[in-house]
PDB file of N, CA and C in Angstrom:
ATOM      1  N   MET A   1      15.418  42.632  11.102  1.00  0.00           N
ATOM      2  CA  MET A   1      15.689  42.060   9.625  1.00  0.00           C
ATOM      3  C   MET A   1      14.982  40.630   9.561  1.00  0.00           C
ATOM      4  N   ARG A   2      15.256  39.727  10.743  1.00  0.00           N
ATOM      5  CA  ARG A   2      15.059  38.168  10.981  1.00  0.00           C
ATOM      6  C   ARG A   2      13.840  38.018  10.819  1.00  0.00           C
ATOM      7  N   CYS A   3      12.764  39.439  11.396  1.00  0.00           N
ATOM      8  CA  CYS A   3      11.228  39.210  11.378  1.00  0.00           C
ATOM      9  C   CYS A   3      10.565  39.186  10.022  1.00  0.00           C
ATOM     10  N   LEU A   4      11.093  40.095   9.425  1.00  0.00           N
ATOM     11  CA  LEU A   4      10.521  40.127   7.892  1.00  0.00           C
ATOM     12  C   LEU A   4      11.343  38.822   7.066  1.00  0.00           C
ATOM     13  N   VAL A   5      12.362  38.558   7.205  1.00  0.00           N
ATOM     14  CA  VAL A   5      12.362  37.113   6.056  1.00  0.00           C
ATOM     15  C   VAL A   5      12.071  36.181   6.442  1.00  0.00           C
ATOM     16  N   LEU A   6      12.079  35.588   7.708  1.00  0.00           N
ATOM     17  CA  LEU A   6      10.945  34.340   7.643  1.00  0.00           C
ATOM     18  C   LEU A   6       9.869  34.452   7.766  1.00  0.00           C
ATOM     19  N   PRO A   7       8.723  35.156   7.620  1.00  0.00           N
ATOM     20  CA  PRO A   7       7.330  34.852   6.827  1.00  0.00           C
ATOM     21  C   PRO A   7       7.838  34.958   5.970  1.00  0.00           C
ATOM     22  N   LEU A   8       8.524  35.944   4.873  1.00  0.00           N
ATOM     23  CA  LEU A   8       8.796  35.882   3.537  1.00  0.00           C
ATOM     24  C   LEU A   8       9.343  34.332   3.276  1.00  0.00           C
ATOM     25  N   LEU A   9      10.094  33.820   3.856  1.00  0.00           N
ATOM     26  CA  LEU A   9      10.724  32.313   3.369  1.00  0.00           C
ATOM     27  C   LEU A   9       9.356  31.713   3.421  1.00  0.00           C
ATOM     28  N   CYS A  10       8.660  31.593   4.796  1.00  0.00           N
ATOM     29  CA  CYS A  10       7.369  30.463   4.768  1.00  0.00           C
ATOM     30  C   CYS A  10       6.522  30.751   4.017  1.00  0.00           C
ATOM     31  N   GLY A  11       5.768  31.720   3.327  1.00  0.00           N
ATOM     32  CA  GLY A  11       5.492  31.848   1.933  1.00  0.00           C
ATOM     33  C   GLY A  11       5.743  31.555   1.035  1.00  0.00           C
ATOM     34  N   LEU A  12       6.603  31.376   0.529  1.00  0.00           N
ATOM     35  CA  LEU A  12       7.349  30.818  -0.993  1.00  0.00           C
ATOM     36  C   LEU A  12       7.543  29.409  -0.770  1.00  0.00           C
ATOM     37  N   PHE A  13       7.738  29.184   0.500  1.00  0.00           N
ATOM     38  CA  PHE A  13       7.865  27.477   0.728  1.00  0.00           C
ATOM     39  C   PHE A  13       6.156  26.939   0.571  1.00  0.00           C
ATOM     40  N   LEU A  14       5.722  27.615   1.137  1.00  0.00           N
ATOM     41  CA  LEU A  14       4.084  27.161   1.167  1.00  0.00           C
ATOM     42  C   LEU A  14       3.223  27.245  -0.178  1.00  0.00           C
ATOM     43  N   SER A  15       3.423  28.494  -0.909  1.00  0.00           N
ATOM     44  CA  SER A  15       2.931  28.477  -2.412  1.00  0.00           C
ATOM     45  C   SER A  15       3.788  27.306  -3.640  1.00  0.00           C
ATOM     46  N   GLY A  16       4.890  27.479  -3.424  1.00  0.00           N
ATOM     47  CA  GLY A  16       5.751  26.455  -3.853  1.00  0.00           C
ATOM     48  C   GLY A  16       4.635  24.730  -3.794  1.00  0.00           C
ATOM     49  N   GLU A  17       4.584  24.238  -2.481  1.00  0.00           N
ATOM     50  CA  GLU A  17       4.019  23.394  -2.002  1.00  0.00           C
ATOM     51  C   GLU A  17       2.482  23.158  -2.750  1.00  0.00           C
ATOM     52  N   ALA A  18       1.976  24.397  -2.235  1.00  0.00           N
ATOM     53  CA  ALA A  18       0.352  24.137  -2.981  1.00  0.00           C
ATOM     54  C   ALA A  18       0.038  24.102  -4.364  1.00  0.00           C
ATOM     55  N   ALA A  19       1.215  24.741  -5.131  1.00  0.00           N
ATOM     56  CA  ALA A  19       1.162  24.771  -6.703  1.00  0.00           C
ATOM     57  C   ALA A  19       1.844  23.104  -6.786  1.00  0.00           C
ATOM     58  N   ALA A  20       2.558  22.461  -6.338  1.00  0.00           N
ATOM     59  CA  ALA A  20       3.258  20.782  -6.529  1.00  0.00           C
ATOM     60  C   ALA A  20       1.681  19.847  -6.337  1.00  0.00           C
ATOM     61  N   ARG A  21       0.562  20.332  -5.448  1.00  0.00           N
ATOM     62  CA  ARG A  21      -0.403  18.940  -5.058  1.00  0.00           C
ATOM     63  C   ARG A  21      -1.193  19.402  -6.217  1.00  0.00           C
ATOM     64  N   ASP A  22      -1.239  19.951  -7.117  1.00  0.00           N
ATOM     65  CA  ASP A  22      -1.731  19.816  -8.117  1.00  0.00           C
ATOM     66  C   ASP A  22      -1.608  19.429  -9.497  1.00  0.00           C
ATOM     67  N   HIS A  23      -0.312  18.797  -9.558  1.00  0.00           N
ATOM     68  CA  HIS A  23       0.067  17.497 -10.310  1.00  0.00           C
ATOM     69  C   HIS A  23      -0.277  16.213  -9.670  1.00  0.00           C
ATOM     70  N   GLY A  24      -0.618  15.487 -10.820  1.00  0.00           N
ATOM     71  CA  GLY A  24      -0.826  14.301 -10.402  1.00  0.00           C
ATOM     72  C   GLY A  24      -1.407  13.357 -11.453  1.00  0.00           C
ATOM     73  N   GLN A  25      -0.663  11.913 -11.494  1.00  0.00           N
ATOM     74  CA  GLN A  25      -1.160  11.106 -12.505  1.00  0.00           C
ATOM     75  C   GLN A  25      -2.436  10.988 -12.965  1.00  0.00           C
ATOM     76  N   TYR A  26      -3.341  11.075 -12.441  1.00  0.00           N
ATOM     77  CA  TYR A  26      -4.880  11.217 -12.262  1.00  0.00           C
ATOM     78  C   TYR A  26      -5.551  12.841 -12.574  1.00  0.00           C
ATOM     79  N   ALA A  27      -4.502  13.783 -12.978  1.00  0.00           N
ATOM     80  CA  ALA A  27      -5.123  15.351 -12.882  1.00  0.00           C
ATOM     81  C   ALA A  27      -6.034  15.284 -13.717  1.00  0.00           C
ATOM     82  N   ASN A  28      -5.888  14.802 -14.943  1.00  0.00           N
ATOM     83  CA  ASN A  28      -7.081  15.072 -15.656  1.00  0.00           C
ATOM     84  C   ASN A  28      -8.250  14.359 -15.625  1.00  0.00           C
ATOM     85  N   SER A  29      -8.118  13.754 -15.124  1.00  0.00           N
ATOM     86  CA  SER A  29      -9.637  12.561 -14.955  1.00  0.00           C
ATOM     87  C   SER A  29     -11.124  13.124 -14.158  1.00  0.00           C
ATOM     88  N   THR A  30     -11.838  12.522 -13.960  1.00  0.00           N
ATOM     89  CA  THR A  30     -13.172  12.913 -13.746  1.00  0.00           C
ATOM     90  C   THR A  30     -13.170  13.528 -12.787  1.00  0.00           C
ATOM     91  N   PRO A  31     -13.953  14.886 -12.616  1.00  0.00           N
ATOM     92  CA  PRO A  31     -14.256  15.111 -11.061  1.00  0.00           C
ATOM     93  C   PRO A  31     -14.550  14.231 -10.376  1.00  0.00           C
ATOM     94  N   GLU A  32     -15.220  12.949 -10.294  1.00  0.00           N
ATOM     95  CA  GLU A  32     -15.505  11.715  -9.414  1.00  0.00           C
ATOM     96  C   GLU A  32     -14.369  10.720  -9.247  1.00  0.00           C
ATOM     97  N   LEU A  33     -13.656  10.980  -9.773  1.00  0.00           N
ATOM     98  CA  LEU A  33     -12.215   9.814  -9.581  1.00  0.00           C
ATOM     99  C   LEU A  33     -11.459  10.602  -8.686  1.00  0.00           C
ATOM    100  N   LYS A  34     -11.057  11.773  -8.802  1.00  0.00           N
ATOM    101  CA  LYS A  34     -10.295  13.046  -8.491  1.00  0.00           C
ATOM    102  C   LYS A  34     -10.960  13.177  -6.656  1.00  0.00           C
ATOM    103  N   ALA A  35     -12.250  12.977  -6.958  1.00  0.00           N
ATOM    104  CA  ALA A  35     -12.958  12.833  -5.432  1.00  0.00           C
ATOM    105  C   ALA A  35     -12.520  11.417  -4.790  1.00  0.00           C
ATOM    106  N   TRP A  36     -12.442  10.924  -5.385  1.00  0.00           N
ATOM    107  CA  TRP A  36     -12.335   9.468  -4.671  1.00  0.00           C
ATOM    108  C   TRP A  36     -10.770   9.221  -4.437  1.00  0.00           C
ATOM    109  N   PHE A  37     -10.127   9.520  -5.465  1.00  0.00           N
ATOM    110  CA  PHE A  37      -8.364   9.926  -4.994  1.00  0.00           C
ATOM    111  C   PHE A  37      -8.066  10.705  -3.524  1.00  0.00           C
ATOM    112  N   ASN A  38      -8.950  11.891  -3.318  1.00  0.00           N
ATOM    113  CA  ASN A  38      -8.842  12.786  -2.188  1.00  0.00           C
ATOM    114  C   ASN A  38      -9.655  12.141  -1.098  1.00  0.00           C
ATOM    115  N   GLY A  39     -10.385  11.255  -1.074  1.00  0.00           N
ATOM    116  CA  GLY A  39     -11.063  10.581  -0.177  1.00  0.00           C
ATOM    117  C   GLY A  39     -11.028   9.248   0.608  1.00  0.00           C
ATOM    118  N   LEU A  40      -9.262   8.807  -0.171  1.00  0.00           N
ATOM    119  CA  LEU A  40      -8.938   7.381  -0.089  1.00  0.00           C
ATOM    120  C   LEU A  40      -8.189   7.909   1.175  1.00  0.00           C
ATOM    121  N   LYS A  41      -8.773   6.633   2.036  1.00  0.00           N
ATOM    122  CA  LYS A  41      -7.832   6.203   3.709  1.00  0.00           C
ATOM    123  C   LYS A  41      -7.566   4.799   4.020  1.00  0.00           C
ATOM    124  N   SER A  42      -6.627   4.690   4.574  1.00  0.00           N
ATOM    125  CA  SER A  42      -6.382   3.789   5.313  1.00  0.00           C
ATOM    126  C   SER A  42      -6.825   3.528   6.943  1.00  0.00           C
ATOM    127  N   ALA A  43      -6.569   2.853   7.731  1.00  0.00           N
ATOM    128  CA  ALA A  43      -6.503   2.787   9.107  1.00  0.00           C
ATOM    129  C   ALA A  43      -5.607   3.945   9.882  1.00  0.00           C
ATOM    130  N   LYS A  44      -4.571   4.388   8.973  1.00  0.00           N
ATOM    131  CA  LYS A  44      -3.057   5.091   9.429  1.00  0.00           C
ATOM    132  C   LYS A  44      -4.242   6.551   9.085  1.00  0.00           C
ATOM    133  N   GLY A  45      -5.055   7.021   8.538  1.00  0.00           N
ATOM    134  CA  GLY A  45      -5.883   8.047   7.832  1.00  0.00           C
ATOM    135  C   GLY A  45      -5.977   8.467   6.802  1.00  0.00           C
ATOM    136  N   LEU A  46      -6.229   9.412   6.709  1.00  0.00           N
ATOM    137  CA  LEU A  46      -6.248   9.741   5.193  1.00  0.00           C
ATOM    138  C   LEU A  46      -4.756  10.000   4.158  1.00  0.00           C
ATOM    139  N   CYS A  47      -5.099   9.048   2.929  1.00  0.00           N
ATOM    140  CA  CYS A  47      -4.128   9.100   2.069  1.00  0.00           C
ATOM    141  C   CYS A  47      -3.053  10.562   1.226  1.00  0.00           C
ATOM    142  N   CYS A  48      -3.803  11.339   1.672  1.00  0.00           N
ATOM    143  CA  CYS A  48      -3.470  12.648   0.959  1.00  0.00           C
ATOM    144  C   CYS A  48      -4.616  12.896  -0.402  1.00  0.00           C
ATOM    145  N   SER A  49      -3.563  12.556  -1.339  1.00  0.00           N
ATOM    146  CA  SER A  49      -4.508  12.576  -2.727  1.00  0.00           C
ATOM    147  C   SER A  49      -3.447  11.506  -3.645  1.00  0.00           C
ATOM    148  N   ASP A  50      -4.143  11.936  -4.707  1.00  0.00           N
ATOM    149  CA  ASP A  50      -3.464  10.714  -6.255  1.00  0.00           C
ATOM    150  C   ASP A  50      -1.986  11.738  -6.104  1.00  0.00           C
ATOM    151  N   ALA A  51      -2.097  12.998  -5.910  1.00  0.00           N
ATOM    152  CA  ALA A  51      -0.507  13.934  -6.353  1.00  0.00           C
ATOM    153  C   ALA A  51       0.474  13.078  -5.537  1.00  0.00           C
ATOM    154  N   ASP A  52       0.273  12.588  -4.565  1.00  0.00           N
ATOM    155  CA  ASP A  52       1.087  11.736  -2.996  1.00  0.00           C
ATOM    156  C   ASP A  52       1.441  10.563  -3.518  1.00  0.00           C
ATOM    157  N   GLY A  53       0.549   9.617  -3.835  1.00  0.00           N
ATOM    158  CA  GLY A  53       0.406   8.377  -3.974  1.00  0.00           C
ATOM    159  C   GLY A  53       1.452   8.072  -5.624  1.00  0.00           C
ATOM    160  N   SER A  54       2.123   6.855  -5.363  1.00  0.00           N
ATOM    161  CA  SER A  54       2.760   6.517  -6.818  1.00  0.00           C
ATOM    162  C   SER A  54       2.329   5.213  -7.176  1.00  0.00           C
ATOM    163  N   ALA A  55       2.187   4.776  -8.849  1.00  0.00           N
ATOM    164  CA  ALA A  55       1.379   3.605  -9.031  1.00  0.00           C
ATOM    165  C   ALA A  55       2.754   2.767  -9.023  1.00  0.00           C
ATOM    166  N   VAL A  56       2.211   1.873  -8.899  1.00  0.00           N
ATOM    167  CA  VAL A  56       3.409   0.410  -8.767  1.00  0.00           C
ATOM    168  C   VAL A  56       3.284  -0.605  -9.781  1.00  0.00           C
ATOM    169  N   SER A  57       4.205  -0.863 -10.418  1.00  0.00           N
ATOM    170  CA  SER A  57       4.096  -2.383 -10.987  1.00  0.00           C
ATOM    171  C   SER A  57       4.061  -3.349 -10.368  1.00  0.00           C
ATOM    172  N   ASP A  58       3.465  -3.944 -11.213  1.00  0.00           N
ATOM    173  CA  ASP A  58       2.995  -4.918 -10.609  1.00  0.00           C
ATOM    174  C   ASP A  58       4.148  -6.338 -10.266  1.00  0.00           C
ATOM    175  N   VAL A  59       5.236  -6.250 -11.150  1.00  0.00           N
ATOM    176  CA  VAL A  59       6.688  -6.246 -10.385  1.00  0.00           C
ATOM    177  C   VAL A  59       7.204  -6.111  -9.239  1.00  0.00           C
ATOM    178  N   ASP A  60       6.390  -4.763  -8.567  1.00  0.00           N
ATOM    179  CA  ASP A  60       7.341  -3.992  -7.854  1.00  0.00           C
ATOM    180  C   ASP A  60       5.883  -4.210  -6.491  1.00  0.00           C
ATOM    181  N   TRP A  61       5.489  -5.404  -6.291  1.00  0.00           N
ATOM    182  CA  TRP A  61       4.535  -5.437  -5.434  1.00  0.00           C
ATOM    183  C   TRP A  61       3.954  -7.013  -4.687  1.00  0.00           C
ATOM    184  N   GLU A  62       4.049  -7.185  -4.228  1.00  0.00           N
ATOM    185  CA  GLU A  62       3.265  -8.837  -3.860  1.00  0.00           C
ATOM    186  C   GLU A  62       2.899  -9.343  -2.777  1.00  0.00           C
ATOM    187  N   SER A  63       1.875  -9.876  -2.950  1.00  0.00           N
ATOM    188  CA  SER A  63       1.083 -10.600  -1.718  1.00  0.00           C
ATOM    189  C   SER A  63       1.168 -12.013  -1.462  1.00  0.00           C
ATOM    190  N   ASN A  64       1.226 -12.184   0.025  1.00  0.00           N
ATOM    191  CA  ASN A  64       1.385 -13.677   0.709  1.00  0.00           C
ATOM    192  C   ASN A  64       0.613 -13.176   1.858  1.00  0.00           C
ATOM    193  N   LYS A  65      -0.021 -14.789   1.585  1.00  0.00           N
ATOM    194  CA  LYS A  65      -0.827 -14.533   2.642  1.00  0.00           C
ATOM    195  C   LYS A  65      -1.906 -13.649   3.216  1.00  0.00           C
ATOM    196  N   GLY A  66      -2.233 -13.360   2.421  1.00  0.00           N
ATOM    197  CA  GLY A  66      -3.345 -11.266   2.978  1.00  0.00           C
ATOM    198  C   GLY A  66      -2.320 -10.441   3.522  1.00  0.00           C
ATOM    199  N   HIS A  67      -0.680 -10.226   2.997  1.00  0.00           N
ATOM    200  CA  HIS A  67       0.194  -9.662   3.865  1.00  0.00           C
ATOM    201  C   HIS A  67       0.840  -9.175   2.448  1.00  0.00           C
ATOM    202  N   TYR A  68       1.242  -7.287   2.619  1.00  0.00           N
ATOM    203  CA  TYR A  68       1.822  -7.327   1.245  1.00  0.00           C
ATOM    204  C   TYR A  68       3.150  -6.812   1.248  1.00  0.00           C
ATOM    205  N   ARG A  69       3.846  -6.347   0.271  1.00  0.00           N
ATOM    206  CA  ARG A  69       5.440  -6.042   0.360  1.00  0.00           C
ATOM    207  C   ARG A  69       5.591  -5.096  -1.035  1.00  0.00           C
ATOM    208  N   VAL A  70       6.102  -3.757  -0.938  1.00  0.00           N
ATOM    209  CA  VAL A  70       6.472  -3.081  -2.350  1.00  0.00           C
ATOM    210  C   VAL A  70       7.865  -2.555  -2.464  1.00  0.00           C
ATOM    211  N   ARG A  71       8.128  -2.954  -3.350  1.00  0.00           N
ATOM    212  CA  ARG A  71       9.379  -2.510  -3.561  1.00  0.00           C
ATOM    213  C   ARG A  71       9.514  -0.927  -4.100  1.00  0.00           C
ATOM    214  N   ILE A  72      10.155  -0.112  -3.407  1.00  0.00           N
ATOM    215  CA  ILE A  72      10.487   1.346  -3.152  1.00  0.00           C
ATOM    216  C   ILE A  72      11.880   1.406  -3.035  1.00  0.00           C
ATOM    217  N   ASN A  73      12.294   1.877  -4.181  1.00  0.00           N
ATOM    218  CA  ASN A  73      13.671   2.602  -4.391  1.00  0.00           C
ATOM    219  C   ASN A  73      14.284   1.596  -4.591  1.00  0.00           C
ATOM    220  N   ASN A  74      14.768   0.086  -5.237  1.00  0.00           N
ATOM    221  CA  ASN A  74      14.974  -0.876  -5.061  1.00  0.00           C
ATOM    222  C   ASN A  74      14.911  -1.601  -3.858  1.00  0.00           C
ATOM    223  N   GLN A  75      13.942  -1.013  -2.695  1.00  0.00           N
ATOM    224  CA  GLN A  75      13.949  -2.030  -1.318  1.00  0.00           C
ATOM    225  C   GLN A  75      12.705  -2.638  -0.933  1.00  0.00           C
ATOM    226  N   TRP A  76      12.509  -3.784  -0.500  1.00  0.00           N
ATOM    227  CA  TRP A  76      11.476  -4.154  -0.342  1.00  0.00           C
ATOM    228  C   TRP A  76      10.818  -3.829   0.962  1.00  0.00           C
ATOM    229  N   VAL A  77       9.755  -3.322   1.445  1.00  0.00           N
ATOM    230  CA  VAL A  77       8.978  -2.726   2.491  1.00  0.00           C
ATOM    231  C   VAL A  77       7.780  -3.656   2.806  1.00  0.00           C
ATOM    232  N   ASP A  78       7.792  -4.208   3.886  1.00  0.00           N
ATOM    233  CA  ASP A  78       6.652  -4.816   3.918  1.00  0.00           C
ATOM    234  C   ASP A  78       5.138  -3.627   4.532  1.00  0.00           C
ATOM    235  N   VAL A  79       4.433  -3.827   3.862  1.00  0.00           N
ATOM    236  CA  VAL A  79       3.102  -3.058   4.467  1.00  0.00           C
ATOM    237  C   VAL A  79       2.227  -3.584   5.433  1.00  0.00           C
ATOM    238  N   PRO A  80       2.202  -2.271   6.765  1.00  0.00           N
ATOM    239  CA  PRO A  80       1.062  -2.536   7.385  1.00  0.00           C
ATOM    240  C   PRO A  80      -0.085  -3.040   7.213  1.00  0.00           C
ATOM    241  N   ASN A  81      -0.391  -4.021   7.809  1.00  0.00           N
ATOM    242  CA  ASN A  81      -2.035  -4.156   7.814  1.00  0.00           C
ATOM    243  C   ASN A  81      -2.886  -3.246   7.591  1.00  0.00           C
ATOM    244  N   GLU A  82      -2.021  -1.967   8.511  1.00  0.00           N
ATOM    245  CA  GLU A  82      -3.024  -0.655   9.046  1.00  0.00           C
ATOM    246  C   GLU A  82      -2.894   0.171   7.525  1.00  0.00           C
ATOM    247  N   ALA A  83      -2.524  -0.100   6.623  1.00  0.00           N
ATOM    248  CA  ALA A  83      -2.234   0.930   5.822  1.00  0.00           C
ATOM    249  C   ALA A  83      -2.557   0.407   4.609  1.00  0.00           C
ATOM    250  N   VAL A  84      -3.473  -1.129   4.631  1.00  0.00           N
ATOM    251  CA  VAL A  84      -4.067  -1.020   3.070  1.00  0.00           C
ATOM    252  C   VAL A  84      -5.344  -0.926   3.102  1.00  0.00           C
ATOM    253  N   ILE A  85      -5.676  -0.151   2.389  1.00  0.00           N
ATOM    254  CA  ILE A  85      -6.874   0.473   1.198  1.00  0.00           C
ATOM    255  C   ILE A  85      -7.899  -0.804   1.434  1.00  0.00           C
ATOM    256  N   THR A  86      -9.077  -0.477   2.292  1.00  0.00           N
ATOM    257  CA  THR A  86      -9.554  -2.018   1.779  1.00  0.00           C
ATOM    258  C   THR A  86     -11.111  -1.742   0.580  1.00  0.00           C
ATOM    259  N   GLU A  87     -11.119  -0.440   0.736  1.00  0.00           N
ATOM    260  CA  GLU A  87     -12.401  -0.144  -0.535  1.00  0.00           C
ATOM    261  C   GLU A  87     -11.705  -0.816  -1.671  1.00  0.00           C
ATOM    262  N   PRO A  88     -12.656  -1.214  -2.837  1.00  0.00           N
ATOM    263  CA  PRO A  88     -12.283  -1.803  -4.352  1.00  0.00           C
ATOM    264  C   PRO A  88     -11.449  -0.509  -5.214  1.00  0.00           C
ATOM    265  N   ASN A  89     -10.402  -1.126  -5.592  1.00  0.00           N
ATOM    266  CA  ASN A  89      -9.265  -0.408  -6.468  1.00  0.00           C
ATOM    267  C   ASN A  89     -10.020   0.138  -7.591  1.00  0.00           C
ATOM    268  N   ARG A  90     -10.411   1.536  -8.088  1.00  0.00           N
ATOM    269  CA  ARG A  90     -11.405   2.152  -9.294  1.00  0.00           C
ATOM    270  C   ARG A  90     -10.313   2.256 -10.371  1.00  0.00           C
ATOM    271  N   VAL A  91      -8.802   1.789 -10.198  1.00  0.00           N
ATOM    272  CA  VAL A  91      -8.217   2.300 -11.434  1.00  0.00           C
ATOM    273  C   VAL A  91      -7.084   0.971 -11.530  1.00  0.00           C
ATOM    274  N   GLY A  92      -7.241   0.318 -10.702  1.00  0.00           N
ATOM    275  CA  GLY A  92      -6.715  -1.008 -10.947  1.00  0.00           C
ATOM    276  C   GLY A  92      -5.138  -1.459 -10.918  1.00  0.00           C
ATOM    277  N   ARG A  93      -4.485   0.183 -10.934  1.00  0.00           N
ATOM    278  CA  ARG A  93      -3.063   0.058 -10.937  1.00  0.00           C
ATOM    279  C   ARG A  93      -2.822   0.246  -9.504  1.00  0.00           C
ATOM    280  N   ALA A  94      -1.969  -0.749  -8.571  1.00  0.00           N
ATOM    281  CA  ALA A  94      -1.762  -0.957  -7.134  1.00  0.00           C
ATOM    282  C   ALA A  94      -1.064   0.631  -7.258  1.00  0.00           C
ATOM    283  N   MET A  95      -1.096   1.422  -5.831  1.00  0.00           N
ATOM    284  CA  MET A  95      -0.667   2.391  -5.677  1.00  0.00           C
ATOM    285  C   MET A  95       0.223   2.507  -3.861  1.00  0.00           C
ATOM    286  N   VAL A  96       1.018   3.442  -4.409  1.00  0.00           N
ATOM    287  CA  VAL A  96       1.754   2.966  -2.910  1.00  0.00           C
ATOM    288  C   VAL A  96       1.823   4.704  -1.840  1.00  0.00           C
ATOM    289  N   TRP A  97       1.733   5.556  -0.963  1.00  0.00           N
ATOM    290  CA  TRP A  97       1.806   6.045  -0.609  1.00  0.00           C
ATOM    291  C   TRP A  97       2.459   5.967   0.619  1.00  0.00           C
ATOM    292  N   PRO A  98       4.270   6.756   0.382  1.00  0.00           N
ATOM    293  CA  PRO A  98       5.469   6.079   1.164  1.00  0.00           C
ATOM    294  C   PRO A  98       5.589   7.601   1.899  1.00  0.00           C
ATOM    295  N   ILE A  99       6.258   7.031   3.344  1.00  0.00           N
ATOM    296  CA  ILE A  99       6.444   8.591   3.552  1.00  0.00           C
ATOM    297  C   ILE A  99       7.885   8.375   4.032  1.00  0.00           C
ATOM    298  N   ILE A 100       8.701   9.199   3.483  1.00  0.00           N
ATOM    299  CA  ILE A 100      10.412   9.110   3.848  1.00  0.00           C
ATOM    300  C   ILE A 100      11.160  10.242   4.729  1.00  0.00           C
ATOM    301  N   ASP A 101      11.619   9.300   6.302  1.00  0.00           N
ATOM    302  CA  ASP A 101      11.733  10.606   6.979  1.00  0.00           C
ATOM    303  C   ASP A 101      13.288  11.229   7.051  1.00  0.00           C
ATOM    304  N   GLY A 102      13.699  12.028   7.654  1.00  0.00           N
ATOM    305  CA  GLY A 102      14.800  12.958   7.292  1.00  0.00           C
ATOM    306  C   GLY A 102      16.306  11.855   7.568  1.00  0.00           C
ATOM    307  N   VAL A 103      15.852  11.095   8.117  1.00  0.00           N
ATOM    308  CA  VAL A 103      17.062  10.167   8.924  1.00  0.00           C
ATOM    309  C   VAL A 103      16.844   8.683   8.266  1.00  0.00           C
ATOM    310  N   GLY A 104      16.506   8.794   7.030  1.00  0.00           N
ATOM    311  CA  GLY A 104      16.558   7.273   6.123  1.00  0.00           C
ATOM    312  C   GLY A 104      15.384   6.229   6.911  1.00  0.00           C
ATOM    313  N   GLY A 105      14.636   6.291   6.818  1.00  0.00           N
ATOM    314  CA  GLY A 105      13.751   5.839   7.414  1.00  0.00           C
ATOM    315  C   GLY A 105      12.655   5.436   6.245  1.00  0.00           C
ATOM    316  N   LEU A 106      11.834   4.550   5.916  1.00  0.00           N
ATOM    317  CA  LEU A 106      10.451   4.554   4.889  1.00  0.00           C
ATOM    318  C   LEU A 106       9.784   3.496   5.493  1.00  0.00           C
ATOM    319  N   TYR A 107       8.235   4.499   5.712  1.00  0.00           N
ATOM    320  CA  TYR A 107       7.208   4.003   5.920  1.00  0.00           C
ATOM    321  C   TYR A 107       6.130   4.237   5.135  1.00  0.00           C
ATOM    322  N   ILE A 108       5.116   3.322   5.005  1.00  0.00           N
ATOM    323  CA  ILE A 108       3.853   3.180   3.982  1.00  0.00           C
ATOM    324  C   ILE A 108       2.667   3.848   5.026  1.00  0.00           C
ATOM    325  N   ARG A 109       2.316   4.701   4.421  1.00  0.00           N
ATOM    326  CA  ARG A 109       1.226   5.100   4.993  1.00  0.00           C
ATOM    327  C   ARG A 109      -0.409   4.767   4.272  1.00  0.00           C
ATOM    328  N   CYS A 110       0.372   4.248   3.523  1.00  0.00           N
ATOM    329  CA  CYS A 110      -1.375   3.904   2.619  1.00  0.00           C
ATOM    330  C   CYS A 110      -0.861   3.081   1.250  1.00  0.00           C
ATOM    331  N   PHE A 111      -1.393   1.618   1.245  1.00  0.00           N
ATOM    332  CA  PHE A 111      -0.755   0.911  -0.053  1.00  0.00           C
ATOM    333  C   PHE A 111      -2.800   0.262  -0.520  1.00  0.00           C
ATOM    334  N   MET A 112      -2.776   0.385  -1.259  1.00  0.00           N
ATOM    335  CA  MET A 112      -3.803   0.202  -2.681  1.00  0.00           C
ATOM    336  C   MET A 112      -3.166  -1.294  -3.262  1.00  0.00           C
ATOM    337  N   PRO A 113      -3.982  -2.158  -2.878  1.00  0.00           N
ATOM    338  CA  PRO A 113      -3.322  -3.378  -4.133  1.00  0.00           C
ATOM    339  C   PRO A 113      -4.200  -3.289  -5.541  1.00  0.00           C
ATOM    340  N   GLY A 114      -3.514  -3.747  -6.788  1.00  0.00           N
ATOM    341  CA  GLY A 114      -3.394  -3.748  -7.747  1.00  0.00           C
ATOM    342  C   GLY A 114      -4.406  -5.040  -8.531  1.00  0.00           C
ATOM    343  N   SER A 115      -4.427  -4.994  -9.153  1.00  0.00           N
ATOM    344  CA  SER A 115      -5.519  -6.482 -10.312  1.00  0.00           C
ATOM    345  C   SER A 115      -4.354  -7.321 -10.318  1.00  0.00           C
ATOM    346  N   MET A 116      -3.382  -6.838 -10.878  1.00  0.00           N
ATOM    347  CA  MET A 116      -1.950  -7.766 -11.136  1.00  0.00           C
ATOM    348  C   MET A 116      -2.423  -8.859 -12.340  1.00  0.00           C
ATOM    349  N   THR A 117      -3.064  -7.677 -13.035  1.00  0.00           N
ATOM    350  CA  THR A 117      -3.568  -8.734 -14.709  1.00  0.00           C
ATOM    351  C   THR A 117      -2.556  -8.272 -16.035  1.00  0.00           C
TER     352      THR A 117
END
């Protein structure tokens, strides 16, 4: 019985995850912008896509001498230099791709500075 239940549960989990990835704040954008988001990467690797990133308000990120930090869940987190996306920002707003592990750790996979206008 366990041999049948585990594959079924895995299938349900994966299908739900795939459906969730279709939603993003730029889901209705042009194919070019979606392709740009899907190709974004830092020195840590691909950022995943716009569905995994979050826009950051100007008051929730700052720059000091070429280093960045961002506020996530009311906690300021230093952005590692290798997580910074260095190509031009096509949307203007700062974005962050955080990773929250199962033991309370918070890491930045990618960060794209905004224009602060």
